[in-house]
Protein backbone atom coordinates (compact mmCIF):
# COMPACT_ATOMS: atom_id res chain seq x y z
CA MET A 1 -41.10 12.34 5.14
CA ARG A 2 -38.64 12.20 2.20
CA PHE A 3 -38.91 15.99 1.90
CA LEU A 4 -38.26 16.33 5.63
CA LEU A 5 -35.08 14.24 5.43
CA THR A 6 -33.85 16.21 2.43
CA ARG A 7 -34.51 19.47 4.21
CA LEU A 8 -32.75 18.28 7.35
CA PHE A 9 -29.69 17.16 5.37
CA LEU A 10 -29.42 20.56 3.66
CA ALA A 11 -29.89 22.34 6.96
CA ILE A 12 -27.18 20.27 8.64
CA TYR A 13 -24.76 20.82 5.75
CA TYR A 14 -25.14 24.61 5.88
CA TYR A 15 -25.77 24.78 9.63
CA PRO A 16 -24.01 27.82 11.19
CA ALA A 17 -21.87 26.79 14.14
CA HIS A 18 -23.34 29.50 16.43
CA LEU A 19 -26.93 28.23 16.09
CA SER A 20 -28.30 25.75 18.57
CA LEU A 21 -29.77 22.44 17.49
CA HIS A 22 -33.11 23.68 18.84
CA THR A 23 -33.00 26.74 16.55
CA LEU A 24 -32.07 24.57 13.57
CA LEU A 25 -34.90 22.14 14.11
CA CYS A 26 -37.47 24.83 14.72
CA SER A 27 -36.38 26.57 11.55
CA CYS A 28 -36.72 23.36 9.54
CA THR A 29 -40.15 22.70 11.08
CA ALA A 30 -41.40 26.17 10.29
CA THR A 31 -40.05 26.08 6.77
CA ILE A 32 -41.77 22.88 5.75
CA GLU A 33 -44.84 23.48 7.97
CA PHE A 34 -44.50 20.08 9.51
CA ASN A 35 -45.77 20.10 13.10
CA THR A 36 -44.11 17.40 15.15
CA LYS A 37 -42.57 16.92 18.51
CA MET A 38 -38.91 17.72 19.11
CA ALA A 39 -38.24 14.20 20.31
CA SER A 40 -39.47 12.75 17.05
CA LEU A 41 -37.32 15.14 15.05
CA ASN A 42 -34.27 14.24 17.10
CA MET A 43 -34.95 10.57 16.50
CA VAL A 44 -35.33 11.06 12.73
CA LEU A 45 -32.26 13.30 12.63
CA SER A 46 -30.13 10.78 14.53
CA LEU A 47 -31.29 7.96 12.27
CA PHE A 48 -30.58 9.99 9.14
CA ILE A 49 -27.07 10.95 10.28
CA SER A 50 -26.32 7.35 11.26
CA VAL A 51 -27.39 6.03 7.85
CA LEU A 52 -25.47 8.77 6.05
CA VAL A 53 -22.23 8.14 7.96
CA SER A 54 -22.54 4.38 7.51
CA SER A 55 -23.03 4.72 3.77
CA LEU A 56 -20.00 6.97 3.48
CA MET A 57 -17.89 4.50 5.41
CA VAL A 58 -18.98 1.61 3.23
CA SER A 59 -18.32 3.49 0.01
CA SER A 60 -14.79 4.40 1.07
CA ALA A 61 -13.77 0.98 2.38
CA SER A 62 -11.53 -1.20 0.25
CA ASN A 63 -12.62 -4.69 -0.65
CA PHE A 64 -10.34 -7.40 -2.01
CA TYR A 65 -13.19 -8.83 -4.11
CA ASN A 66 -13.44 -5.53 -5.97
CA ASP A 67 -9.77 -4.56 -6.18
CA PHE A 68 -7.84 -7.79 -6.82
CA ASP A 69 -7.90 -11.08 -8.67
CA ILE A 70 -6.30 -14.27 -7.36
CA THR A 71 -4.08 -15.37 -10.23
CA TRP A 72 -2.48 -18.63 -9.17
CA GLY A 73 -2.20 -21.16 -6.36
CA ASP A 74 -5.06 -23.59 -7.00
CA GLY A 75 -7.09 -22.52 -3.96
CA ARG A 76 -4.14 -21.61 -1.74
CA ALA A 77 -5.08 -17.92 -1.87
CA LYS A 78 -8.32 -16.96 -0.13
CA ILE A 79 -10.42 -13.81 0.28
CA LEU A 80 -12.17 -13.85 3.66
CA ASN A 81 -14.29 -11.71 6.01
CA ASN A 82 -16.52 -10.31 3.26
CA GLY A 83 -13.53 -9.08 1.29
CA GLN A 84 -11.67 -7.46 4.18
CA LEU A 85 -8.89 -10.06 4.49
CA LEU A 86 -6.75 -11.91 1.94
CA THR A 87 -4.38 -14.77 2.72
CA LEU A 88 -1.68 -16.42 0.61
CA SER A 89 -0.37 -19.90 1.43
CA LEU A 90 2.62 -21.96 0.37
CA ASP A 91 3.17 -25.70 0.60
CA GLN A 92 5.63 -27.94 -1.20
CA PRO A 93 3.62 -28.33 -4.43
CA SER A 94 2.88 -24.62 -4.90
CA GLY A 95 2.70 -21.09 -3.62
CA SER A 96 0.02 -18.52 -4.54
CA GLY A 97 -0.48 -14.96 -5.68
CA PHE A 98 -2.81 -12.14 -6.68
CA GLN A 99 -2.79 -8.95 -8.75
CA SER A 100 -4.74 -5.70 -8.88
CA ARG A 101 -7.52 -5.22 -11.36
CA ASN A 102 -6.38 -1.67 -12.04
CA GLU A 103 -3.19 -0.48 -13.66
CA TYR A 104 -1.64 2.74 -12.34
CA LEU A 105 0.65 5.41 -13.73
CA PHE A 106 1.85 6.90 -10.43
CA ALA A 107 0.34 5.92 -7.12
CA LYS A 108 0.58 5.95 -3.35
CA ILE A 109 -0.20 2.39 -2.29
CA ASP A 110 -0.74 1.22 1.30
CA MET A 111 -1.14 -2.42 2.30
CA GLN A 112 -1.08 -3.99 5.74
CA LEU A 113 0.75 -7.32 5.88
CA LYS A 114 1.32 -9.92 8.57
CA LEU A 115 4.14 -12.20 7.49
CA VAL A 116 4.66 -15.95 7.81
CA PRO A 117 5.42 -16.71 11.49
CA GLY A 118 7.84 -19.21 12.99
CA ASN A 119 10.40 -20.97 10.83
CA SER A 120 9.83 -19.33 7.45
CA ALA A 121 13.33 -20.00 6.06
CA GLY A 122 13.37 -20.35 2.28
CA THR A 123 10.10 -18.50 1.73
CA VAL A 124 9.64 -15.11 0.08
CA THR A 125 6.61 -12.86 0.38
CA ALA A 126 6.72 -10.36 -2.48
CA TYR A 127 4.60 -7.20 -2.73
CA TYR A 128 5.38 -4.98 -5.70
CA LEU A 129 4.38 -2.85 -8.68
CA LYS A 130 5.29 -4.08 -12.17
CA SER A 131 4.60 -3.27 -15.82
CA ASN A 132 4.48 -5.66 -18.76
CA GLY A 133 6.98 -6.32 -21.51
CA SER A 134 10.69 -7.06 -21.92
CA THR A 135 11.74 -3.56 -20.79
CA TRP A 136 9.50 -3.51 -17.75
CA ASP A 137 9.49 -1.19 -14.73
CA GLU A 138 9.17 -2.58 -11.21
CA ILE A 139 9.17 -1.38 -7.59
CA ASP A 140 9.74 -4.17 -5.05
CA PHE A 141 9.13 -5.04 -1.44
CA GLU A 142 10.32 -8.61 -0.79
CA PHE A 143 10.33 -10.22 2.66
CA LEU A 144 12.91 -12.97 3.00
CA GLY A 145 11.98 -15.71 5.46
CA ASN A 146 14.09 -16.79 8.41
CA LEU A 147 14.79 -19.41 11.01
CA SER A 148 12.72 -19.00 14.17
CA GLY A 149 14.14 -16.18 16.26
CA ASP A 150 16.11 -14.57 13.41
CA PRO A 151 14.92 -11.29 11.90
CA TYR A 152 13.21 -11.05 8.55
CA ILE A 153 15.16 -9.26 5.81
CA LEU A 154 13.22 -6.62 3.90
CA HIS A 155 14.62 -6.54 0.35
CA THR A 156 13.88 -3.55 -1.93
CA ASN A 157 14.67 -2.95 -5.59
CA VAL A 158 13.79 -0.57 -8.43
CA PHE A 159 13.73 -1.60 -12.10
CA SER A 160 13.68 0.85 -14.99
CA GLN A 161 13.35 -0.33 -18.60
CA GLY A 162 14.13 -3.91 -17.60
CA LYS A 163 17.24 -3.05 -15.57
CA GLY A 164 17.35 -3.49 -11.80
CA ASN A 165 20.44 -4.19 -9.69
CA ARG A 166 19.49 -1.48 -7.21
CA GLU A 167 19.00 -3.61 -4.12
CA GLN A 168 18.87 -2.28 -0.60
CA GLN A 169 18.10 -4.54 2.37
CA PHE A 170 16.97 -3.82 5.91
CA TYR A 171 16.12 -5.45 9.17
CA LEU A 172 12.86 -4.28 10.74
CA TRP A 173 12.60 -2.75 14.22
CA PHE A 174 9.63 -4.98 15.16
CA ASP A 175 8.41 -8.55 14.64
CA PRO A 176 6.49 -8.42 11.32
CA THR A 177 4.81 -11.75 12.07
CA ALA A 178 3.18 -10.73 15.36
CA ASP A 179 0.73 -8.20 13.91
CA PHE A 180 -0.18 -6.26 10.79
CA HIS A 181 2.06 -3.39 9.68
CA THR A 182 1.60 -0.89 6.85
CA TYR A 183 3.97 -1.01 3.87
CA THR A 184 3.73 1.95 1.52
CA ILE A 185 5.05 2.64 -1.98
CA LEU A 186 4.87 6.28 -3.06
CA TRP A 187 5.59 6.59 -6.78
CA ASN A 188 5.27 10.01 -8.35
CA PRO A 189 7.10 11.75 -11.22
CA GLN A 190 9.87 13.04 -8.93
CA ARG A 191 10.64 10.14 -6.60
CA ILE A 192 9.87 6.69 -5.23
CA ILE A 193 9.63 6.38 -1.44
CA PHE A 194 9.38 3.08 0.44
CA SER A 195 7.84 3.44 3.93
CA VAL A 196 7.01 1.14 6.83
CA ASP A 197 4.32 2.30 9.27
CA GLY A 198 4.84 5.83 7.94
CA THR A 199 8.62 5.77 8.42
CA PRO A 200 10.53 6.16 5.14
CA ILE A 201 13.26 3.57 4.63
CA ARG A 202 14.35 4.37 1.08
CA GLU A 203 14.08 7.15 -1.48
CA PHE A 204 14.89 6.75 -5.19
CA LYS A 205 14.83 10.08 -7.01
CA ASN A 206 14.19 10.84 -10.65
CA LEU A 207 17.71 11.58 -11.92
CA GLU A 208 17.08 11.34 -15.65
CA SER A 209 19.14 14.52 -16.01
CA MET A 210 22.13 12.37 -14.98
CA GLY A 211 21.27 9.56 -17.40
CA VAL A 212 19.54 7.36 -14.79
CA PRO A 213 16.38 5.69 -16.20
CA TYR A 214 13.27 6.36 -14.11
CA PRO A 215 9.92 4.53 -14.28
CA LYS A 216 7.44 7.11 -15.52
CA ASN A 217 5.88 5.98 -18.81
CA GLN A 218 4.65 2.42 -18.21
CA PRO A 219 1.53 1.72 -16.13
CA MET A 220 2.00 -0.91 -13.45
CA ARG A 221 -0.22 -3.32 -11.55
CA ILE A 222 0.10 -4.35 -7.92
CA TYR A 223 1.23 -7.94 -7.46
CA SER A 224 1.87 -10.13 -4.45
CA SER A 225 3.00 -13.72 -4.10
CA LEU A 226 4.22 -16.21 -1.53
CA TRP A 227 6.69 -18.69 -3.00
CA ASN A 228 9.63 -20.97 -2.30
CA ALA A 229 13.10 -19.50 -2.97
CA ASP A 230 15.30 -21.63 -0.75
CA ASP A 231 18.03 -21.60 -3.38
CA TRP A 232 18.87 -18.00 -2.33
CA ALA A 233 16.41 -16.44 0.13
CA THR A 234 17.85 -17.43 3.52
CA ARG A 235 21.59 -17.07 4.09
CA GLY A 236 22.23 -17.25 0.38
CA GLY A 237 20.44 -20.58 0.05
CA LEU A 238 22.28 -22.36 2.88
CA VAL A 239 19.07 -22.80 4.87
CA LYS A 240 16.36 -24.76 3.09
CA THR A 241 12.61 -24.71 3.54
CA ASP A 242 11.33 -27.06 6.26
CA TRP A 243 8.22 -28.46 4.62
CA SER A 244 7.11 -30.07 7.87
CA LYS A 245 6.10 -26.53 8.92
CA ALA A 246 3.88 -26.02 5.85
CA PRO A 247 1.50 -24.57 4.96
CA PHE A 248 3.09 -21.14 5.36
CA THR A 249 0.60 -18.26 5.36
CA ALA A 250 0.84 -14.46 4.95
CA SER A 251 -2.14 -12.15 5.51
CA TYR A 252 -3.23 -8.85 3.93
CA ARG A 253 -5.76 -6.19 4.88
CA ASN A 254 -6.61 -2.46 4.64
CA PHE A 255 -5.48 -1.86 1.08
CA ASN A 256 -5.65 1.78 0.05
CA ALA A 257 -4.67 3.43 -3.23
CA ASN A 258 -4.35 7.15 -3.92
CA ALA A 259 -3.54 6.60 -7.54
CA CYS A 260 -3.83 7.57 -11.18
CA ALA A 261 -5.67 4.61 -12.61
CA TRP A 262 -4.73 3.90 -16.24
CA SER A 263 -7.33 2.74 -18.74
CA ASN A 264 -7.25 2.78 -22.55
CA GLY A 265 -4.26 5.08 -22.57
CA VAL A 266 -5.87 7.67 -20.29
CA SER A 267 -4.99 8.57 -16.68
CA SER A 268 -7.74 9.19 -14.14
CA CYS A 269 -5.67 12.06 -12.75
CA GLY A 270 -6.09 14.14 -15.90
CA THR A 271 -9.10 16.00 -14.55
CA SER A 272 -8.81 15.32 -10.80
CA ASN A 273 -8.52 17.98 -8.14
CA SER A 274 -4.88 18.89 -7.40
CA MET A 275 -5.54 18.92 -3.66
CA THR A 276 -6.81 15.34 -3.82
CA ASN A 277 -3.66 14.35 -5.70
CA SER A 278 -1.18 16.18 -3.47
CA TRP A 279 0.83 12.94 -3.26
CA LEU A 280 1.85 13.52 -6.90
CA SER A 281 4.30 16.15 -5.67
CA GLU A 282 4.92 14.72 -2.19
CA GLU A 283 8.47 14.76 -0.86
CA LEU A 284 10.23 14.09 2.43
CA ASP A 285 10.15 16.91 4.95
CA SER A 286 12.96 17.46 7.45
CA THR A 287 11.44 15.12 10.04
CA SER A 288 11.01 12.36 7.47
CA GLN A 289 14.59 12.87 6.28
CA GLU A 290 15.78 12.37 9.86
CA ARG A 291 13.74 9.16 10.15
CA LEU A 292 15.16 7.93 6.86
CA GLN A 293 18.71 8.50 8.10
CA TRP A 294 17.87 6.74 11.38
CA VAL A 295 16.74 3.65 9.46
CA ARG A 296 19.79 3.72 7.18
CA LYS A 297 22.14 4.02 10.14
CA ASN A 298 20.56 1.38 12.36
CA TYR A 299 18.77 -1.13 10.11
CA MET A 300 20.24 -1.11 6.61
CA ILE A 301 22.30 -4.28 6.03
CA TYR A 302 23.02 -4.03 2.29
CA ASN A 303 23.31 -1.12 -0.13
CA TYR A 304 24.30 -1.63 -3.77
CA CYS A 305 25.86 1.83 -3.67
CA THR A 306 28.58 0.59 -1.29
CA ASP A 307 29.28 -2.78 -2.95
CA ALA A 308 32.58 -2.03 -4.70
CA ASN A 309 33.10 -5.67 -5.72
CA ARG A 310 29.91 -5.54 -7.73
CA PHE A 311 30.80 -2.34 -9.58
CA PRO A 312 34.56 -2.48 -10.28
CA GLN A 313 34.20 0.14 -13.03
CA GLY A 314 32.51 2.60 -10.66
CA PHE A 315 29.20 2.96 -8.90
CA PRO A 316 25.99 3.88 -10.76
CA PRO A 317 25.51 7.66 -11.11
CA GLU A 318 22.74 7.89 -8.50
CA CYS A 319 25.07 6.50 -5.85
CA ASN A 320 27.11 9.69 -5.94
CA LEU A 321 24.14 11.54 -4.45
CA SER A 322 23.18 8.96 -1.80
């Protein structure tokens, strides 16, 4: 029977499209001189395909137990549903957080988040990439909580060699607490692109030729945390956290990483297929550029490149190309 299943798998893999299933099965039967009824073969074939597809699905599915470690929170962070869901919680004594087991040197990271609902004023849910050391690199999504009925503010920033001050902020065009939405960081040698549900909201290009530092040499981990920042997060700190609404909870699922994992000074992309790693040269096409401009026009509420009070001696060089 093991030989039969092997033969059937090979026959299916190389099965010419113009041949009928009947021809295929008869050929397999004749080849291995195994006399059985067509119904039995169909049953075995269906079972084999079902097991094969299921195993492929399991092997490709992400699992928070395998990919992340809970790093702080004293039990406030939980991995649930056999590793398919992760939740972070915040109450007055403490927030919580987690980090990826892998480090990456360039990556395309997807994570679905559902943010703290209701009155989340004073809270911050952070989801970001960061390296170690005093001259660290960092790529930030931060979700600033709100009073009930007010929109969340999505805060983004890029650090290179320990220097940030590149904030851009946006409102979202949906309620991020009602359901899960996908937040993507594309980081390759040419650019960083922040996207929400596939719509780009920000692009930061590699402009080292203009003297702008770009994160490209330091591997980074994925981090996320839910914490209290009511000294600045909501209306500049005017609105404080209402602890009677605690615990506050954010949820995560469907993590996916197309990435160059970094281990012992070696990148996993060194010998990988270039087609598999097409994201390493990915850029915005004309349609994506139009979507980016739509977001900037309708939903951007702060851009460091237009804050003249902050840069009295002139804007940073990259702003001249924005």
